[in-house]
C-alpha atoms as a PDB file:
ATOM      1  CA  UNK A   1      -4.979  11.545  -1.437  1.00  0.00           C
ATOM      2  CA  UNK A   2      -4.348  12.879  -4.899  1.00  0.00           C
ATOM      3  CA  UNK A   3      -0.694  11.844  -5.071  1.00  0.00           C
ATOM      4  CA  UNK A   4       0.788   8.777  -6.595  1.00  0.00           C
ATOM      5  CA  UNK A   5       0.844   7.034  -3.223  1.00  0.00           C
ATOM      6  CA  UNK A   6      -2.738   6.934  -2.004  1.00  0.00           C
ATOM      7  CA  UNK A   7      -3.890   5.441   1.281  1.00  0.00           C
ATOM      8  CA  UNK A   8      -6.492   3.507  -0.729  1.00  0.00           C
ATOM      9  CA  UNK A   9      -3.641   1.571  -2.375  1.00  0.00           C
ATOM     10  CA  UNK A  10      -1.765   0.698   0.827  1.00  0.00           C
ATOM     11  CA  UNK A  11      -1.461  -2.788   2.248  1.00  0.00           C
ATOM     12  CA  UNK A  12      -3.378  -1.792   5.397  1.00  0.00           C
ATOM     13  CA  UNK A  13      -6.500  -0.847   3.426  1.00  0.00           C
ATOM     14  CA  UNK A  14      -6.121  -3.924   1.216  1.00  0.00           C
ATOM     15  CA  UNK A  15      -5.931  -6.184   4.284  1.00  0.00           C
ATOM     16  CA  UNK A  16      -9.035  -4.647   5.876  1.00  0.00           C
ATOM     17  CA  UNK A  17     -11.062  -4.895   2.670  1.00  0.00           C
ATOM     18  CA  UNK A  18      -9.897  -8.457   1.967  1.00  0.00           C
ATOM     19  CA  UNK A  19     -11.039  -9.547   5.426  1.00  0.00           C
ATOM     20  CA  UNK A  20     -14.339  -7.731   4.787  1.00  0.00           C
ATOM     21  CA  UNK A  21     -14.670  -9.672   1.522  1.00  0.00           C
ATOM     22  CA  UNK A  22     -14.129 -12.960   3.330  1.00  0.00           C
ATOM     23  CA  UNK A  23     -16.667 -11.961   5.968  1.00  0.00           C
ATOM     24  CA  UNK A  24     -19.293 -11.200   3.306  1.00  0.00           C
ATOM     25  CA  UNK A  25     -18.825 -14.645   1.755  1.00  0.00           C
ATOM     26  CA  UNK A  26     -19.273 -16.278   5.166  1.00  0.00           C
ATOM     27  CA  UNK A  27     -22.331 -14.112   5.824  1.00  0.00           C
ATOM     28  CA  UNK A  28     -24.082 -14.891   2.540  1.00  0.00           C
ATOM     29  CA  UNK A  29     -23.379 -18.614   2.974  1.00  0.00           C
ATOM     30  CA  UNK A  30     -24.294 -19.003   6.655  1.00  0.00           C
ATOM     31  CA  UNK A  31     -27.104 -16.467   6.958  1.00  0.00           C
ATOM     32  CA  UNK A  32     -28.537 -15.991   3.464  1.00  0.00           C
ATOM     33  CA  UNK A  33     -29.257 -19.396   2.009  1.00  0.00           C
ATOM     34  CA  UNK A  34     -25.863 -21.089   1.561  1.00  0.00           C
ATOM     35  CA  UNK A  35     -24.744 -19.076  -1.457  1.00  0.00           C
ATOM     36  CA  UNK A  36     -21.582 -17.131  -2.251  1.00  0.00           C
ATOM     37  CA  UNK A  37     -22.524 -13.602  -3.307  1.00  0.00           C
ATOM     38  CA  UNK A  38     -19.032 -12.179  -3.913  1.00  0.00           C
ATOM     39  CA  UNK A  39     -18.133 -13.726  -7.279  1.00  0.00           C
ATOM     40  CA  UNK A  40     -20.536 -14.301 -10.164  1.00  0.00           C
ATOM     41  CA  UNK A  41     -19.125 -17.404 -11.879  1.00  0.00           C
ATOM     42  CA  UNK A  42     -21.389 -19.745  -9.929  1.00  0.00           C
ATOM     43  CA  UNK A  43     -24.441 -17.572 -10.623  1.00  0.00           C
ATOM     44  CA  UNK A  44     -23.665 -17.549 -14.361  1.00  0.00           C
ATOM     45  CA  UNK A  45     -23.291 -21.341 -14.402  1.00  0.00           C
ATOM     46  CA  UNK A  46     -26.576 -21.827 -12.539  1.00  0.00           C
ATOM     47  CA  UNK A  47     -28.288 -19.290 -14.785  1.00  0.00           C
ATOM     48  CA  UNK A  48     -27.260 -21.302 -17.833  1.00  0.00           C
ATOM     49  CA  UNK A  49     -28.378 -24.583 -16.298  1.00  0.00           C
ATOM     50  CA  UNK A  50     -31.792 -23.209 -15.347  1.00  0.00           C
ATOM     51  CA  UNK A  51     -32.165 -21.559 -18.756  1.00  0.00           C
ATOM     52  CA  UNK A  52     -31.593 -24.977 -20.314  1.00  0.00           C
ATOM     53  CA  UNK A  53     -34.289 -26.427 -18.040  1.00  0.00           C
ATOM     54  CA  UNK A  54     -36.585 -23.452 -18.794  1.00  0.00           C
ATOM     55  CA  UNK A  55     -37.025 -22.693 -15.124  1.00  0.00           C
ATOM     56  CA  UNK A  56     -37.563 -18.970 -15.572  1.00  0.00           C
ATOM     57  CA  UNK A  57     -38.146 -18.243 -11.879  1.00  0.00           C
ATOM     58  CA  UNK A  58     -34.786 -19.757 -10.986  1.00  0.00           C
ATOM     59  CA  UNK A  59     -33.205 -17.883 -13.892  1.00  0.00           C
ATOM     60  CA  UNK A  60     -34.405 -14.615 -12.381  1.00  0.00           C
ATOM     61  CA  UNK A  61     -32.951 -15.664  -9.026  1.00  0.00           C
ATOM     62  CA  UNK A  62     -29.450 -15.890 -10.486  1.00  0.00           C
ATOM     63  CA  UNK A  63     -29.799 -13.108 -13.049  1.00  0.00           C
ATOM     64  CA  UNK A  64     -30.513 -10.412 -10.462  1.00  0.00           C
ATOM     65  CA  UNK A  65     -27.148 -10.621  -8.645  1.00  0.00           C
ATOM     66  CA  UNK A  66     -25.313 -10.733 -11.988  1.00  0.00           C
ATOM     67  CA  UNK A  67     -27.075  -7.597 -13.211  1.00  0.00           C
ATOM     68  CA  UNK A  68     -26.444  -5.791  -9.916  1.00  0.00           C
ATOM     69  CA  UNK A  69     -22.776  -6.720 -10.136  1.00  0.00           C
ATOM     70  CA  UNK A  70     -22.659  -5.111 -13.590  1.00  0.00           C
ATOM     71  CA  UNK A  71     -24.459  -2.020 -12.268  1.00  0.00           C
ATOM     72  CA  UNK A  72     -21.956  -1.751  -9.419  1.00  0.00           C
ATOM     73  CA  UNK A  73     -18.956  -1.878 -11.756  1.00  0.00           C
ATOM     74  CA  UNK A  74     -20.502   0.775 -14.024  1.00  0.00           C
ATOM     75  CA  UNK A  75     -21.385   3.009 -11.076  1.00  0.00           C
ATOM     76  CA  UNK A  76     -17.896   2.770  -9.557  1.00  0.00           C
ATOM     77  CA  UNK A  77     -16.264   3.634 -12.857  1.00  0.00           C
ATOM     78  CA  UNK A  78     -18.588   6.589 -13.482  1.00  0.00           C
ATOM     79  CA  UNK A  79     -17.971   7.883  -9.952  1.00  0.00           C
ATOM     80  CA  UNK A  80     -14.213   7.696 -10.532  1.00  0.00           C
ATOM     81  CA  UNK A  81     -14.640  10.028 -13.498  1.00  0.00           C
ATOM     82  CA  UNK A  82     -17.350  12.350 -12.178  1.00  0.00           C
ATOM     83  CA  UNK A  83     -15.923  12.811  -8.671  1.00  0.00           C
ATOM     84  CA  UNK A  84     -12.311  13.413  -9.672  1.00  0.00           C
ATOM     85  CA  UNK A  85     -12.445  16.951  -8.207  1.00  0.00           C
ATOM     86  CA  UNK A  86     -14.590  16.161  -5.167  1.00  0.00           C
ATOM     87  CA  UNK A  87     -13.459  17.260  -1.695  1.00  0.00           C
ATOM     88  CA  UNK A  88     -13.619  13.581  -0.760  1.00  0.00           C
ATOM     89  CA  UNK A  89     -11.683  10.946  -2.664  1.00  0.00           C
ATOM     90  CA  UNK A  90     -14.043   9.134  -5.042  1.00  0.00           C
ATOM     91  CA  UNK A  91     -13.221   5.858  -3.288  1.00  0.00           C
ATOM     92  CA  UNK A  92     -14.500   7.340  -0.034  1.00  0.00           C
ATOM     93  CA  UNK A  93     -17.855   7.896  -1.735  1.00  0.00           C
ATOM     94  CA  UNK A  94     -17.778   4.221  -2.748  1.00  0.00           C
ATOM     95  CA  UNK A  95     -17.066   3.152   0.842  1.00  0.00           C
ATOM     96  CA  UNK A  96     -19.997   5.236   2.113  1.00  0.00           C
ATOM     97  CA  UNK A  97     -22.356   3.626  -0.410  1.00  0.00           C
ATOM     98  CA  UNK A  98     -21.137   0.169   0.632  1.00  0.00           C
ATOM     99  CA  UNK A  99     -21.722   0.940   4.313  1.00  0.00           C
ATOM    100  CA  UNK A 100     -25.234   2.295   3.705  1.00  0.00           C
ATOM    101  CA  UNK A 101     -26.252  -0.678   1.537  1.00  0.00           C
ATOM    102  CA  UNK A 102     -24.920  -3.216   4.037  1.00  0.00           C
ATOM    103  CA  UNK A 103     -26.664  -1.316   6.813  1.00  0.00           C
ATOM    104  CA  UNK A 104     -29.932  -1.825   4.919  1.00  0.00           C
ATOM    105  CA  UNK A 105     -29.166  -5.547   4.531  1.00  0.00           C
ATOM    106  CA  UNK A 106     -28.945  -5.957   8.316  1.00  0.00           C
ATOM    107  CA  UNK A 107     -32.622  -4.973   8.539  1.00  0.00           C
ATOM    108  CA  UNK A 108     -33.823  -7.568   6.030  1.00  0.00           C
ATOM    109  CA  UNK A 109     -35.440 -10.621   7.657  1.00  0.00           C
ATOM    110  CA  UNK A 110     -33.871 -14.014   7.056  1.00  0.00           C
ATOM    111  CA  UNK A 111     -35.483 -16.419   4.608  1.00  0.00           C
ATOM    112  CA  UNK A 112     -37.681 -16.397   1.551  1.00  0.00           C
ATOM    113  CA  UNK A 113     -37.338 -13.610  -0.959  1.00  0.00           C
ATOM    114  CA  UNK A 114     -35.458 -11.476   1.538  1.00  0.00           C
ATOM    115  CA  UNK A 115     -32.353 -13.626   1.122  1.00  0.00           C
ATOM    116  CA  UNK A 116     -32.416 -13.025  -2.638  1.00  0.00           C
ATOM    117  CA  UNK A 117     -32.614  -9.273  -2.060  1.00  0.00           C
ATOM    118  CA  UNK A 118     -29.821  -9.429   0.521  1.00  0.00           C
ATOM    119  CA  UNK A 119     -27.513 -11.462  -1.711  1.00  0.00           C
ATOM    120  CA  UNK A 120     -28.244  -9.187  -4.678  1.00  0.00           C
ATOM    121  CA  UNK A 121     -27.292  -6.137  -2.596  1.00  0.00           C
ATOM    122  CA  UNK A 122     -24.134  -7.878  -1.370  1.00  0.00           C
ATOM    123  CA  UNK A 123     -23.225  -8.606  -4.995  1.00  0.00           C
ATOM    124  CA  UNK A 124     -23.661  -4.899  -5.698  1.00  0.00           C
ATOM    125  CA  UNK A 125     -21.395  -3.967  -2.787  1.00  0.00           C
ATOM    126  CA  UNK A 126     -18.741  -6.460  -3.855  1.00  0.00           C
ATOM    127  CA  UNK A 127     -18.770  -5.153  -7.418  1.00  0.00           C
ATOM    128  CA  UNK A 128     -18.224  -1.600  -6.151  1.00  0.00           C
ATOM    129  CA  UNK A 129     -15.323  -2.777  -4.034  1.00  0.00           C
ATOM    130  CA  UNK A 130     -13.624  -5.022  -6.582  1.00  0.00           C
ATOM    131  CA  UNK A 131     -13.773  -2.263  -9.219  1.00  0.00           C
ATOM    132  CA  UNK A 132     -12.583   0.529  -6.913  1.00  0.00           C
ATOM    133  CA  UNK A 133      -9.767  -1.161  -4.984  1.00  0.00           C
ATOM    134  CA  UNK A 134      -7.591  -3.017  -7.470  1.00  0.00           C
ATOM    135  CA  UNK A 135      -3.992  -2.226  -6.574  1.00  0.00           C
ATOM    136  CA  UNK A 136      -1.733  -2.565  -3.553  1.00  0.00           C
ATOM    137  CA  UNK A 137       1.900  -1.487  -3.842  1.00  0.00           C
ATOM    138  CA  UNK A 138       1.419  -1.403  -7.657  1.00  0.00           C
ATOM    139  CA  UNK A 139       0.213  -5.040  -7.604  1.00  0.00           C
ATOM    140  CA  UNK A 140      -3.174  -5.872  -9.084  1.00  0.00           C
ATOM    141  CA  UNK A 141      -5.393  -7.756  -6.640  1.00  0.00           C
ATOM    142  CA  UNK A 142      -9.008  -8.386  -5.649  1.00  0.00           C
ATOM    143  CA  UNK A 143     -10.569  -7.986  -2.201  1.00  0.00           C
ATOM    144  CA  UNK A 144     -13.713 -10.078  -2.685  1.00  0.00           C
ATOM    145  CA  UNK A 145     -12.340 -13.214  -4.345  1.00  0.00           C
ATOM    146  CA  UNK A 146      -9.128 -15.237  -4.244  1.00  0.00           C
ATOM    147  CA  UNK A 147      -8.647 -17.026  -7.578  1.00  0.00           C
ATOM    148  CA  UNK A 148      -6.868 -14.158  -9.346  1.00  0.00           C
ATOM    149  CA  UNK A 149      -4.745 -13.385  -6.291  1.00  0.00           C
ATOM    150  CA  UNK A 150      -3.692 -17.024  -6.006  1.00  0.00           C
ATOM    151  CA  UNK A 151      -2.794 -17.190  -9.691  1.00  0.00           C
ATOM    152  CA  UNK A 152      -0.805 -13.938  -9.681  1.00  0.00           C
ATOM    153  CA  UNK A 153       1.040 -14.812  -6.478  1.00  0.00           C
ATOM    154  CA  UNK A 154       2.051 -18.197  -7.862  1.00  0.00           C
ATOM    155  CA  UNK A 155       3.177 -16.597 -11.122  1.00  0.00           C
ATOM    156  CA  UNK A 156       5.539 -14.396  -9.091  1.00  0.00           C
ATOM    157  CA  UNK A 157       6.903 -17.489  -7.366  1.00  0.00           C
ATOM    158  CA  UNK A 158       7.602 -19.010 -10.768  1.00  0.00           C
ATOM    159  CA  UNK A 159       9.305 -15.794 -11.923  1.00  0.00           C
ATOM    160  CA  UNK A 160      11.438 -15.802  -8.789  1.00  0.00           C
ATOM    161  CA  UNK A 161      12.551 -19.370  -9.459  1.00  0.00           C
ATOM    162  CA  UNK A 162      13.526 -18.335 -12.988  1.00  0.00           C
ATOM    163  CA  UNK A 163      15.033 -14.882 -12.446  1.00  0.00           C
ATOM    164  CA  UNK A 164      16.087 -15.083  -8.775  1.00  0.00           C
ATOM    165  CA  UNK A 165      14.746 -11.559  -8.288  1.00  0.00           C
ATOM    166  CA  UNK A 166      13.631 -11.121  -4.674  1.00  0.00           C
ATOM    167  CA  UNK A 167      11.028  -8.531  -5.720  1.00  0.00           C
ATOM    168  CA  UNK A 168       8.960 -11.337  -7.237  1.00  0.00           C
ATOM    169  CA  UNK A 169       9.097 -13.244  -3.963  1.00  0.00           C
ATOM    170  CA  UNK A 170       8.016 -10.144  -2.034  1.00  0.00           C
ATOM    171  CA  UNK A 171       5.103  -9.655  -4.428  1.00  0.00           C
ATOM    172  CA  UNK A 172       4.063 -13.284  -3.988  1.00  0.00           C
ATOM    173  CA  UNK A 173       4.079 -13.017  -0.196  1.00  0.00           C
ATOM    174  CA  UNK A 174       2.047  -9.804  -0.326  1.00  0.00           C
ATOM    175  CA  UNK A 175      -0.640 -11.486  -2.434  1.00  0.00           C
ATOM    176  CA  UNK A 176      -0.625 -14.665  -0.365  1.00  0.00           C
ATOM    177  CA  UNK A 177      -1.027 -12.343   2.611  1.00  0.00           C
ATOM    178  CA  UNK A 178      -4.138 -10.802   1.057  1.00  0.00           C
ATOM    179  CA  UNK A 179      -5.567 -14.315   0.724  1.00  0.00           C
ATOM    180  CA  UNK A 180      -4.698 -14.974   4.372  1.00  0.00           C
ATOM    181  CA  UNK A 181      -6.599 -11.838   5.443  1.00  0.00           C
ATOM    182  CA  UNK A 182      -9.555 -13.024   3.339  1.00  0.00           C
ATOM    183  CA  UNK A 183      -9.482 -16.317   5.253  1.00  0.00           C
ATOM    184  CA  UNK A 184      -9.300 -14.436   8.567  1.00  0.00           C
ATOM    185  CA  UNK A 185     -12.424 -12.550   7.500  1.00  0.00           C
ATOM    186  CA  UNK A 186     -14.160 -15.851   6.750  1.00  0.00           C
ATOM    187  CA  UNK A 187     -13.262 -17.166  10.217  1.00  0.00           C
ATOM    188  CA  UNK A 188     -14.442 -14.000  11.978  1.00  0.00           C
ATOM    189  CA  UNK A 189     -17.570 -13.992   9.825  1.00  0.00           C
ATOM    190  CA  UNK A 190     -18.312 -17.608  10.694  1.00  0.00           C
ATOM    191  CA  UNK A 191     -18.010 -16.865  14.418  1.00  0.00           C
ATOM    192  CA  UNK A 192     -20.056 -13.665  14.436  1.00  0.00           C
ATOM    193  CA  UNK A 193     -22.712 -14.810  11.966  1.00  0.00           C
ATOM    194  CA  UNK A 194     -23.260 -18.030  13.891  1.00  0.00           C
ATOM    195  CA  UNK A 195     -23.734 -16.035  17.084  1.00  0.00           C
ATOM    196  CA  UNK A 196     -25.454 -12.898  15.795  1.00  0.00           C
ATOM    197  CA  UNK A 197     -26.897 -13.973  12.415  1.00  0.00           C
ATOM    198  CA  UNK A 198     -27.795 -10.929  10.279  1.00  0.00           C
ATOM    199  CA  UNK A 199     -26.532  -8.465  12.937  1.00  0.00           C
ATOM    200  CA  UNK A 200     -23.026  -9.856  12.459  1.00  0.00           C
ATOM    201  CA  UNK A 201     -22.794  -7.768   9.300  1.00  0.00           C
ATOM    202  CA  UNK A 202     -22.256  -4.696  11.494  1.00  0.00           C
ATOM    203  CA  UNK A 203     -18.624  -5.821  11.834  1.00  0.00           C
ATOM    204  CA  UNK A 204     -18.030  -5.183   8.120  1.00  0.00           C
ATOM    205  CA  UNK A 205     -19.700  -1.776   8.374  1.00  0.00           C
ATOM    206  CA  UNK A 206     -17.200  -0.823  11.094  1.00  0.00           C
ATOM    207  CA  UNK A 207     -14.378  -2.027   8.839  1.00  0.00           C
ATOM    208  CA  UNK A 208     -15.644   0.203   6.031  1.00  0.00           C
ATOM    209  CA  UNK A 209     -15.864   3.179   8.388  1.00  0.00           C
ATOM    210  CA  UNK A 210     -12.258   2.520   9.412  1.00  0.00           C
ATOM    211  CA  UNK A 211     -11.173   2.540   5.749  1.00  0.00           C
ATOM    212  CA  UNK A 212     -13.122   5.754   5.142  1.00  0.00           C
ATOM    213  CA  UNK A 213     -11.298   7.466   8.023  1.00  0.00           C
ATOM    214  CA  UNK A 214      -7.890   6.080   7.039  1.00  0.00           C
ATOM    215  CA  UNK A 215      -8.235   7.575   3.582  1.00  0.00           C
ATOM    216  CA  UNK A 216      -7.950  11.069   5.049  1.00  0.00           C
ATOM    217  CA  UNK A 217      -4.288  10.309   5.741  1.00  0.00           C
ATOM    218  CA  UNK A 218      -1.859  11.770   3.221  1.00  0.00           C
ATOM    219  CA  UNK A 219       0.594   8.910   2.675  1.00  0.00           C
ATOM    220  CA  UNK A 220       3.093  10.911   0.627  1.00  0.00           C
ATOM    221  CA  UNK A 221       3.227  13.698   3.219  1.00  0.00           C
ATOM    222  CA  UNK A 222       3.857  11.189   6.000  1.00  0.00           C
ATOM    223  CA  UNK A 223       6.632   9.536   4.004  1.00  0.00           C
ATOM    224  CA  UNK A 224       8.284  12.905   3.348  1.00  0.00           C
ATOM    225  CA  UNK A 225       8.127  13.797   7.053  1.00  0.00           C
ATOM    226  CA  UNK A 226       9.682  10.439   7.948  1.00  0.00           C
ATOM    227  CA  UNK A 227      12.545  11.085   5.516  1.00  0.00           C
ATOM    228  CA  UNK A 228      13.141  14.571   6.982  1.00  0.00           C
ATOM    229  CA  UNK A 229      13.484  13.076  10.440  1.00  0.00           C
END
């Protein structure tokens, strides 16, 4: 896990986490008050609008997820530095925190102030994830939102049309694939959250456990063994 090729930067892990990101968006929208907790642009816009209207209670509603997103990014970055020599990869510590926080969210009742707490915690989880898992096959990407992935993928298509380099086309398809896995997560989330409501979030916890276990695999060692064969 300490080599240049880490399991945390493989397409398999990226696909699982992208589908988890899509699931969380479906969950926060269907179960927790029809909001999207993954990205903060909407919250910042609504914060500004309510600040203009001097609705301080509503300002607090949108400020909390934004602040927790910031805290998550700071925490992930500090853990990357402080846990560099840990027996577990620092990203595995991040995954464990995500799983524990989402486990707590499943116990929060639906409605009222509980939805605000739940969405704030989901924002925290998403910030940890988006800061910690940012590359797949040397490509920059995001697991909890699609705008940047869509832009970068389309840029590679444009570069392919200009340079005729197939590597750009491969990069584009990889990023479009990440978006597709995000959509799959939304579909699964819609099905499970409609049927199970807050308990549907357990699916994402299992996905995180799977990623945690996968990260014990030494990718470079496996590749070397495959070459020897």
